[in-house]
Structure formats: structure tokens, C-alpha cells
C-alpha atoms as a PDB file:
ATOM      1  CA  MET A   1      10.370  32.152 -14.769  1.00  0.00           C
ATOM      2  CA  VAL A   2       8.931  29.097 -15.710  1.00  0.00           C
ATOM      3  CA  LYS A   3       9.193  26.195 -14.319  1.00  0.00           C
ATOM      4  CA  GLN A   4       9.077  22.563 -15.612  1.00  0.00           C
ATOM      5  CA  ARG A   5       7.443  20.981 -12.943  1.00  0.00           C
ATOM      6  CA  ILE A   6       6.150  21.123  -9.251  1.00  0.00           C
ATOM      7  CA  ALA A   7       5.149  18.713  -6.575  1.00  0.00           C
ATOM      8  CA  ILE A   8       2.893  19.273  -4.251  1.00  0.00           C
ATOM      9  CA  ILE A   9       2.347  17.260  -1.259  1.00  0.00           C
ATOM     10  CA  PRO A  10      -1.070  18.003   0.335  1.00  0.00           C
ATOM     11  CA  ALA A  11      -1.449  17.911   4.082  1.00  0.00           C
ATOM     12  CA  ARG A  12      -3.362  19.020   6.428  1.00  0.00           C
ATOM     13  CA  GLY A  13      -3.617  18.955  10.547  1.00  0.00           C
ATOM     14  CA  GLY A  14      -7.068  18.354  11.706  1.00  0.00           C
ATOM     15  CA  SER A  15      -7.427  13.850  10.901  1.00  0.00           C
ATOM     16  CA  LYS A  16      -9.960  13.024  12.794  1.00  0.00           C
ATOM     17  CA  ARG A  17      -9.385   8.655  12.163  1.00  0.00           C
ATOM     18  CA  ILE A  18      -5.614   8.991  12.858  1.00  0.00           C
ATOM     19  CA  PRO A  19      -4.683  12.161  14.444  1.00  0.00           C
ATOM     20  CA  HIS A  20      -1.228  13.882  13.724  1.00  0.00           C
ATOM     21  CA  LYS A  21      -1.943  11.605  10.568  1.00  0.00           C
ATOM     22  CA  ASN A  22       0.838  12.356   8.386  1.00  0.00           C
ATOM     23  CA  ILE A  23       3.613  13.324  10.764  1.00  0.00           C
ATOM     24  CA  THR A  24       2.049   9.590  12.858  1.00  0.00           C
ATOM     25  CA  GLU A  25       5.366   7.180  12.906  1.00  0.00           C
ATOM     26  CA  PHE A  26       5.342   4.839  10.023  1.00  0.00           C
ATOM     27  CA  CYS A  27       7.984   2.571  10.197  1.00  0.00           C
ATOM     28  CA  GLY A  28      11.028   4.871  11.703  1.00  0.00           C
ATOM     29  CA  LYS A  29       9.733   8.287  10.048  1.00  0.00           C
ATOM     30  CA  PRO A  30       6.581  11.059  10.371  1.00  0.00           C
ATOM     31  CA  MET A  31       4.190   9.081   7.886  1.00  0.00           C
ATOM     32  CA  ILE A  32       4.935  12.125   4.937  1.00  0.00           C
ATOM     33  CA  ALA A  33       9.136  11.873   4.988  1.00  0.00           C
ATOM     34  CA  TRP A  34       8.167   9.194   2.855  1.00  0.00           C
ATOM     35  CA  THR A  35       6.426  10.846   0.224  1.00  0.00           C
ATOM     36  CA  ILE A  36       9.506  14.228   0.565  1.00  0.00           C
ATOM     37  CA  GLN A  37      11.880  11.217  -0.046  1.00  0.00           C
ATOM     38  CA  ALA A  38      10.285   9.587  -2.602  1.00  0.00           C
ATOM     39  CA  ALA A  39      10.410  13.278  -4.560  1.00  0.00           C
ATOM     40  CA  LYS A  40      13.283  14.188  -3.989  1.00  0.00           C
ATOM     41  CA  GLU A  41      14.442  11.217  -5.134  1.00  0.00           C
ATOM     42  CA  SER A  42      13.309  11.002  -8.227  1.00  0.00           C
ATOM     43  CA  GLY A  43      14.722  14.233  -9.178  1.00  0.00           C
ATOM     44  CA  LEU A  44      12.340  15.213 -11.479  1.00  0.00           C
ATOM     45  CA  PHE A  45      11.135  18.435  -9.519  1.00  0.00           C
ATOM     46  CA  ASP A  46      12.152  21.960  -9.496  1.00  0.00           C
ATOM     47  CA  ARG A  47       9.864  22.706  -6.625  1.00  0.00           C
ATOM     48  CA  ILE A  48       8.626  19.696  -3.880  1.00  0.00           C
ATOM     49  CA  LEU A  49       6.027  22.282  -1.774  1.00  0.00           C
ATOM     50  CA  VAL A  50       4.362  21.089   1.647  1.00  0.00           C
ATOM     51  CA  SER A  51       0.519  22.528   1.751  1.00  0.00           C
ATOM     52  CA  THR A  52      -0.557  22.702   5.335  1.00  0.00           C
ATOM     53  CA  ASP A  53      -2.319  24.606   8.222  1.00  0.00           C
ATOM     54  CA  ASP A  54      -0.398  22.632  10.546  1.00  0.00           C
ATOM     55  CA  GLN A  55       2.851  24.087  12.020  1.00  0.00           C
ATOM     56  CA  SER A  56       3.983  21.090  13.364  1.00  0.00           C
ATOM     57  CA  ILE A  57       3.567  19.004   9.882  1.00  0.00           C
ATOM     58  CA  ALA A  58       5.621  21.872   8.620  1.00  0.00           C
ATOM     59  CA  GLU A  59       9.014  22.501  10.654  1.00  0.00           C
ATOM     60  CA  VAL A  60       8.341  18.311   9.997  1.00  0.00           C
ATOM     61  CA  SER A  61       8.301  18.972   6.506  1.00  0.00           C
ATOM     62  CA  LYS A  62      10.939  20.994   6.201  1.00  0.00           C
ATOM     63  CA  THR A  63      13.518  19.074   8.304  1.00  0.00           C
ATOM     64  CA  TRP A  64      12.582  16.428   5.948  1.00  0.00           C
ATOM     65  CA  GLY A  65      14.007  18.470   2.833  1.00  0.00           C
ATOM     66  CA  ALA A  66      10.751  20.542   2.066  1.00  0.00           C
ATOM     67  CA  GLU A  67       9.800  23.106   0.825  1.00  0.00           C
ATOM     68  CA  VAL A  68       6.868  25.486   3.304  1.00  0.00           C
ATOM     69  CA  PRO A  69       7.450  29.226   2.593  1.00  0.00           C
ATOM     70  CA  PHE A  70       3.485  29.218   3.747  1.00  0.00           C
ATOM     71  CA  LEU A  71       0.638  28.207   5.478  1.00  0.00           C
ATOM     72  CA  ARG A  72      -1.944  26.234   3.394  1.00  0.00           C
ATOM     73  CA  ALA A  73      -4.823  29.923   2.433  1.00  0.00           C
ATOM     74  CA  SER A  74      -7.775  27.681   2.679  1.00  0.00           C
ATOM     75  CA  TYR A  75      -9.397  24.273   1.678  1.00  0.00           C
ATOM     76  CA  SER A  76      -7.969  22.217   5.298  1.00  0.00           C
ATOM     77  CA  ASP A  77     -11.623  21.406   6.698  1.00  0.00           C
ATOM     78  CA  ASP A  78     -13.141  18.010   6.179  1.00  0.00           C
ATOM     79  CA  HIS A  79     -14.927  19.270   3.135  1.00  0.00           C
ATOM     80  CA  ALA A  80     -12.386  20.351   1.119  1.00  0.00           C
ATOM     81  CA  PRO A  81     -11.878  18.899  -1.939  1.00  0.00           C
ATOM     82  CA  VAL A  82      -7.506  18.137  -2.105  1.00  0.00           C
ATOM     83  CA  SER A  83      -7.856  19.044  -5.648  1.00  0.00           C
ATOM     84  CA  GLU A  84      -8.847  22.513  -4.723  1.00  0.00           C
ATOM     85  CA  ALA A  85      -6.548  22.308  -1.822  1.00  0.00           C
ATOM     86  CA  THR A  86      -3.991  21.531  -4.543  1.00  0.00           C
ATOM     87  CA  VAL A  87      -4.952  23.917  -7.212  1.00  0.00           C
ATOM     88  CA  SER A  88      -5.252  27.072  -3.999  1.00  0.00           C
ATOM     89  CA  ALA A  89      -1.137  25.660  -3.059  1.00  0.00           C
ATOM     90  CA  LEU A  90       0.315  26.875  -6.755  1.00  0.00           C
ATOM     91  CA  GLN A  91      -1.699  29.955  -6.830  1.00  0.00           C
ATOM     92  CA  GLN A  92      -0.444  30.583  -3.738  1.00  0.00           C
ATOM     93  CA  ALA A  93       3.143  29.343  -5.024  1.00  0.00           C
ATOM     94  CA  MET A  94       2.778  31.080  -8.256  1.00  0.00           C
ATOM     95  CA  ASN A  95       2.542  34.350  -6.670  1.00  0.00           C
ATOM     96  CA  HIS A  96       5.589  33.739  -4.109  1.00  0.00           C
ATOM     97  CA  TRP A  97       8.003  33.100  -5.790  1.00  0.00           C
ATOM     98  CA  GLN A  98       6.902  34.350  -9.170  1.00  0.00           C
ATOM     99  CA  GLU A  99       7.270  31.043 -10.613  1.00  0.00           C
ATOM    100  CA  SER A 100       5.090  29.411 -13.351  1.00  0.00           C
ATOM    101  CA  TYR A 101       4.538  25.538 -14.049  1.00  0.00           C
ATOM    102  CA  ALA A 102       4.461  23.338 -16.674  1.00  0.00           C
ATOM    103  CA  SER A 103       2.525  20.643 -14.454  1.00  0.00           C
ATOM    104  CA  VAL A 104       1.625  20.344 -11.422  1.00  0.00           C
ATOM    105  CA  ILE A 105       1.737  16.085  -9.178  1.00  0.00           C
ATOM    106  CA  GLN A 106       0.075  15.682  -6.301  1.00  0.00           C
ATOM    107  CA  LEU A 107       1.663  13.630  -4.008  1.00  0.00           C
ATOM    108  CA  MET A 108      -0.449  12.471  -1.418  1.00  0.00           C
ATOM    109  CA  ALA A 109       0.934  12.440   2.431  1.00  0.00           C
ATOM    110  CA  ASN A 110      -0.786   9.286   3.565  1.00  0.00           C
ATOM    111  CA  CYS A 111       0.960   6.740   0.704  1.00  0.00           C
ATOM    112  CA  PRO A 112       3.951   5.918   2.377  1.00  0.00           C
ATOM    113  CA  LEU A 113       4.758   3.093  -0.334  1.00  0.00           C
ATOM    114  CA  ARG A 114       4.478   5.106  -3.734  1.00  0.00           C
ATOM    115  CA  THR A 115       8.470   5.376  -4.426  1.00  0.00           C
ATOM    116  CA  ALA A 116      10.999   7.090  -6.869  1.00  0.00           C
ATOM    117  CA  ASP A 117      10.571   4.822  -9.703  1.00  0.00           C
ATOM    118  CA  ASP A 118       6.460   5.427  -8.918  1.00  0.00           C
ATOM    119  CA  ILE A 119       7.059   8.688  -9.371  1.00  0.00           C
ATOM    120  CA  THR A 120       9.043   8.606 -12.316  1.00  0.00           C
ATOM    121  CA  GLN A 121       6.842   6.230 -14.329  1.00  0.00           C
ATOM    122  CA  ALA A 122       3.932   8.221 -14.234  1.00  0.00           C
ATOM    123  CA  VAL A 123       5.700  12.097 -15.549  1.00  0.00           C
ATOM    124  CA  THR A 124       6.716  10.017 -18.046  1.00  0.00           C
ATOM    125  CA  GLN A 125       3.730   8.285 -19.490  1.00  0.00           C
ATOM    126  CA  PHE A 126       2.136  12.155 -18.793  1.00  0.00           C
ATOM    127  CA  GLU A 127       4.859  13.507 -20.756  1.00  0.00           C
ATOM    128  CA  ALA A 128       5.066  11.233 -23.441  1.00  0.00           C
ATOM    129  CA  GLN A 129       1.247  10.935 -23.985  1.00  0.00           C
ATOM    130  CA  ASP A 130       0.659  14.359 -24.146  1.00  0.00           C
ATOM    131  CA  ARG A 131      -1.987  14.233 -21.802  1.00  0.00           C
ATOM    132  CA  SER A 132      -3.698  16.998 -19.977  1.00  0.00           C
ATOM    133  CA  PHE A 133      -4.533  14.785 -16.880  1.00  0.00           C
ATOM    134  CA  GLN A 134      -3.563  11.706 -15.494  1.00  0.00           C
ATOM    135  CA  ILE A 135      -4.454   9.747 -11.846  1.00  0.00           C
ATOM    136  CA  SER A 136      -2.913   6.583 -10.460  1.00  0.00           C
ATOM    137  CA  CYS A 137      -4.782   3.963 -10.303  1.00  0.00           C
ATOM    138  CA  PHE A 138      -4.351  -0.216  -9.818  1.00  0.00           C
ATOM    139  CA  LYS A 139      -5.795  -3.041 -10.688  1.00  0.00           C
ATOM    140  CA  TYR A 140      -8.104  -5.486  -8.363  1.00  0.00           C
ATOM    141  CA  GLY A 141      -6.526  -8.656  -7.777  1.00  0.00           C
ATOM    142  CA  TRP A 142      -8.253 -10.571  -5.473  1.00  0.00           C
ATOM    143  CA  MET A 143     -10.997  -8.571  -3.499  1.00  0.00           C
ATOM    144  CA  ASN A 144     -12.746  -8.976  -6.461  1.00  0.00           C
ATOM    145  CA  PRO A 145     -15.895  -6.253  -7.096  1.00  0.00           C
ATOM    146  CA  TRP A 146     -17.801  -8.207 -10.182  1.00  0.00           C
ATOM    147  CA  TRP A 147     -19.472 -10.231  -6.727  1.00  0.00           C
ATOM    148  CA  ALA A 148     -19.765  -7.475  -4.198  1.00  0.00           C
ATOM    149  CA  VAL A 149     -22.847  -7.741  -2.050  1.00  0.00           C
ATOM    150  CA  LYS A 150     -24.658  -5.478  -0.150  1.00  0.00           C
ATOM    151  CA  LEU A 151     -26.132  -7.192   2.906  1.00  0.00           C
ATOM    152  CA  ASP A 152     -30.236  -6.186   4.878  1.00  0.00           C
ATOM    153  CA  THR A 153     -30.092  -6.451   8.219  1.00  0.00           C
ATOM    154  CA  GLU A 154     -30.250  -9.992   8.206  1.00  0.00           C
ATOM    155  CA  GLY A 155     -27.405 -10.973   6.754  1.00  0.00           C
ATOM    156  CA  HIS A 156     -28.813 -11.447   3.243  1.00  0.00           C
ATOM    157  CA  PRO A 157     -26.984 -10.189   0.500  1.00  0.00           C
ATOM    158  CA  GLU A 158     -27.885  -8.225  -3.014  1.00  0.00           C
ATOM    159  CA  ARG A 159     -25.795  -8.829  -5.663  1.00  0.00           C
ATOM    160  CA  LEU A 160     -24.357  -5.564  -6.948  1.00  0.00           C
ATOM    161  CA  PHE A 161     -23.121  -6.368 -10.780  1.00  0.00           C
ATOM    162  CA  PRO A 162     -25.876  -9.193 -10.973  1.00  0.00           C
ATOM    163  CA  GLU A 163     -24.901  -9.626 -14.658  1.00  0.00           C
ATOM    164  CA  THR A 164     -22.133 -11.873 -13.403  1.00  0.00           C
ATOM    165  CA  ALA A 165     -23.113 -14.682 -11.031  1.00  0.00           C
ATOM    166  CA  GLY A 166     -22.241 -17.794 -12.308  1.00  0.00           C
ATOM    167  CA  GLN A 167     -18.852 -16.332 -13.993  1.00  0.00           C
ATOM    168  CA  ARG A 168     -15.176 -17.845 -13.579  1.00  0.00           C
ATOM    169  CA  SER A 169     -13.030 -14.634 -12.701  1.00  0.00           C
ATOM    170  CA  GLN A 170     -10.747 -15.293 -15.927  1.00  0.00           C
ATOM    171  CA  ASP A 171     -13.623 -13.862 -17.731  1.00  0.00           C
ATOM    172  CA  LEU A 172     -14.615 -10.254 -16.095  1.00  0.00           C
ATOM    173  CA  PRO A 173     -12.916  -7.502 -17.551  1.00  0.00           C
ATOM    174  CA  GLU A 174     -10.322  -6.574 -15.286  1.00  0.00           C
ATOM    175  CA  LEU A 175     -11.068  -3.644 -13.448  1.00  0.00           C
ATOM    176  CA  PHE A 176      -8.837  -0.682 -11.616  1.00  0.00           C
ATOM    177  CA  CYS A 177      -9.263   2.039  -8.159  1.00  0.00           C
ATOM    178  CA  PRO A 178      -7.682   5.207  -8.305  1.00  0.00           C
ATOM    179  CA  THR A 179      -5.096   5.939  -5.438  1.00  0.00           C
ATOM    180  CA  GLY A 180      -3.915   9.249  -4.272  1.00  0.00           C
ATOM    181  CA  ALA A 181      -0.376   7.903  -4.996  1.00  0.00           C
ATOM    182  CA  ILE A 182       0.747  10.367  -7.870  1.00  0.00           C
ATOM    183  CA  TRP A 183      -2.140  13.096  -9.664  1.00  0.00           C
ATOM    184  CA  ILE A 184      -0.622  15.207 -12.318  1.00  0.00           C
ATOM    185  CA  ALA A 185      -1.832  17.918 -13.928  1.00  0.00           C
ATOM    186  CA  LYS A 186      -0.814  20.095 -16.976  1.00  0.00           C
ATOM    187  CA  ALA A 187      -1.211  23.384 -14.624  1.00  0.00           C
ATOM    188  CA  ASP A 188      -2.615  26.252 -16.206  1.00  0.00           C
ATOM    189  CA  MET A 189      -5.734  22.810 -16.988  1.00  0.00           C
ATOM    190  CA  LEU A 190      -4.977  22.621 -12.923  1.00  0.00           C
ATOM    191  CA  LEU A 191      -6.419  26.723 -13.330  1.00  0.00           C
ATOM    192  CA  LYS A 192      -9.003  26.874 -15.039  1.00  0.00           C
ATOM    193  CA  THR A 193     -11.025  23.430 -14.246  1.00  0.00           C
ATOM    194  CA  LYS A 194      -9.774  23.150 -10.374  1.00  0.00           C
ATOM    195  CA  THR A 195      -9.922  19.510 -10.933  1.00  0.00           C
ATOM    196  CA  PHE A 196      -7.497  16.295 -11.645  1.00  0.00           C
ATOM    197  CA  TYR A 197     -10.211  14.803 -13.380  1.00  0.00           C
ATOM    198  CA  GLY A 198     -10.608  17.298 -16.299  1.00  0.00           C
ATOM    199  CA  PRO A 199     -11.571  17.021 -19.662  1.00  0.00           C
ATOM    200  CA  ASN A 200      -9.772  13.048 -20.887  1.00  0.00           C
ATOM    201  CA  HIS A 201      -8.270  13.034 -17.586  1.00  0.00           C
ATOM    202  CA  VAL A 202      -6.665   9.031 -18.288  1.00  0.00           C
ATOM    203  CA  PHE A 203      -6.038   6.826 -15.128  1.00  0.00           C
ATOM    204  CA  GLU A 204      -2.469   5.622 -15.543  1.00  0.00           C
ATOM    205  CA  PRO A 205      -1.841   1.976 -12.961  1.00  0.00           C
ATOM    206  CA  MET A 206       0.679   1.054 -11.232  1.00  0.00           C
ATOM    207  CA  PRO A 207       2.149  -1.489  -8.692  1.00  0.00           C
ATOM    208  CA  TRP A 208      -0.835  -1.849  -6.049  1.00  0.00           C
ATOM    209  CA  GLU A 209       1.392  -2.152  -2.733  1.00  0.00           C
ATOM    210  CA  SER A 210       2.726   1.342  -3.744  1.00  0.00           C
ATOM    211  CA  GLY A 211      -0.869   2.354  -3.893  1.00  0.00           C
ATOM    212  CA  VAL A 212      -1.628   1.735  -0.602  1.00  0.00           C
ATOM    213  CA  ASP A 213      -4.078   4.757   0.614  1.00  0.00           C
ATOM    214  CA  ILE A 214      -3.364   5.839   5.125  1.00  0.00           C
ATOM    215  CA  ASP A 215      -7.502   6.065   6.021  1.00  0.00           C
ATOM    216  CA  ASP A 216      -6.936   4.120   9.746  1.00  0.00           C
ATOM    217  CA  TYR A 217      -4.893   2.389  11.732  1.00  0.00           C
ATOM    218  CA  ASP A 218      -5.415  -0.769  10.720  1.00  0.00           C
ATOM    219  CA  ASP A 219      -4.196   0.807   7.040  1.00  0.00           C
ATOM    220  CA  ILE A 220      -0.603   1.262   9.366  1.00  0.00           C
ATOM    221  CA  ARG A 221      -0.569  -2.032  10.427  1.00  0.00           C
ATOM    222  CA  PHE A 222      -1.242  -3.596   7.405  1.00  0.00           C
ATOM    223  CA  ALA A 223       1.470  -0.898   5.080  1.00  0.00           C
ATOM    224  CA  GLU A 224       3.943  -1.118   7.820  1.00  0.00           C
ATOM    225  CA  ALA A 225       3.520  -5.346   7.036  1.00  0.00           C
ATOM    226  CA  LEU A 226       4.114  -4.913   3.407  1.00  0.00           C
ATOM    227  CA  SER A 227       7.191  -2.926   3.637  1.00  0.00           C
ATOM    228  CA  GLN A 228       8.624  -5.270   5.666  1.00  0.00           C
ATOM    229  CA  ARG A 229       7.061  -8.145   2.686  1.00  0.00           C
ATOM    230  CA  VAL A 230       9.059  -5.696  -0.478  1.00  0.00           C
ATOM    231  CA  SER A 231      12.756  -5.174   1.720  1.00  0.00           C
ATOM    232  CA  VAL A 232      13.039  -9.538   1.660  1.00  0.00           C
ATOM    233  CA  LYS A 233      12.065  -9.394  -1.814  1.00  0.00           C
ATOM    234  CA  LYS A 234      15.001  -6.866  -2.511  1.00  0.00           C
END
């Protein structure tokens, strides 16, 4: 049986900088709950699968409405590429449910500010443009990489882009940064290449607030402040 879309939420248990990061509390809920809820509210998915090697993450995920019929078979260490973990989960899902899928949407659990509307916008673009691989990104704002420098031990700067020295910011090209919020691929192509950076992959911009990745406690405080700001605006 062919299903249209499967959402896969990678959530390994061995995070170092924030122990059990994916189920640590964020704005009153386990962090992963925000991603599960956004996926459910979008109404786009035949399956919402959490791929984890950790039983406690599995139980929390099921409580919030995701499917976790099996634990991750491989790719659970610090060095395993997340794309390969998602491919492994996709293969496990196909074997478990005896299904195939048209597209795979990878939603990282450490991007709790990404919304159902963000997911809908990304999937709409992916399908309307008949893309094979699509990676979410955001436009750099006040942190302008064109002016980035490296510092030596005495604090002397070395420009990474000396050719832009003296240019006004409005005269420089826009720059974009990938975020793990929403990565999409045609399932057959992902199984073949084992990476979302496959042939002719494209970047799809999204609001920078929605694309915040949480890796340490400073990121949590930053994202919580953003969450309050967004709530006030609404």
C-alpha cells in the first residue's frame, strides 16, 4: 500500500549538552511535544513516526500522539548523520507497516517553534515545484556573515570575506543558513541517496524565529523568549 506522506521525527537519547534534550521541558511541555503537535495540526501526514533509541522518549512521544512501534535499529551515536538515521527509520517503517510512501518529511525535535503553518507552506512548495529534495533555511538578519572575522590569540581580526570590507550592508547579497526544522524528500530518492542533500536539492526559506535549533541551555532561554514574543504578537 502506498501512503502519501510520512513525518519522521529523529530523537536520540544520548544528547550531551542538554541531557535528555528531546523531552526536557520547554514552555510547559516536553520539547518533542511541540513538533508532534505541529505535525498533527498540519493534517498532512499518514504517519507521524518518532525515531528514537530511548524508551523514555518513546513513551513521551506516544503520550503526545506520535507512533513509536519500534526503537531505532542503528545510527544512535554522536557521529551518525541524522539523514541516515531517518533513512533507517523509513526502512523500518516500510517493513513494519508493509507500506511505501511518496514523500518523507524530517522534523527535528529540537526546533519547537516551527508551526503547522510552516510545515504546510514547506510541503506545498515542495509538491507544487515537483522537487526531489528540499531543506529549510532562514535569511541572515542583523548577524551579517559578510563581516565575519577570525580572531588570533591576541584578538587581531582576520576577515573571512575581505572583498566586502567597506561595502554597505544593503549592497551585499542576501545570505541564508540551513535549519533542521523541515527537510523533505521523495521517499524513493532518499532511499537511493541516503541524504537530503541529494541531486538538485533546494533551500526553502522560512521565518527565522521558526527555524531556531536548540542545542544548549542558552538556546533554550533564547527560544523561550522568542516564544513569549510570538504569543504577544498573536
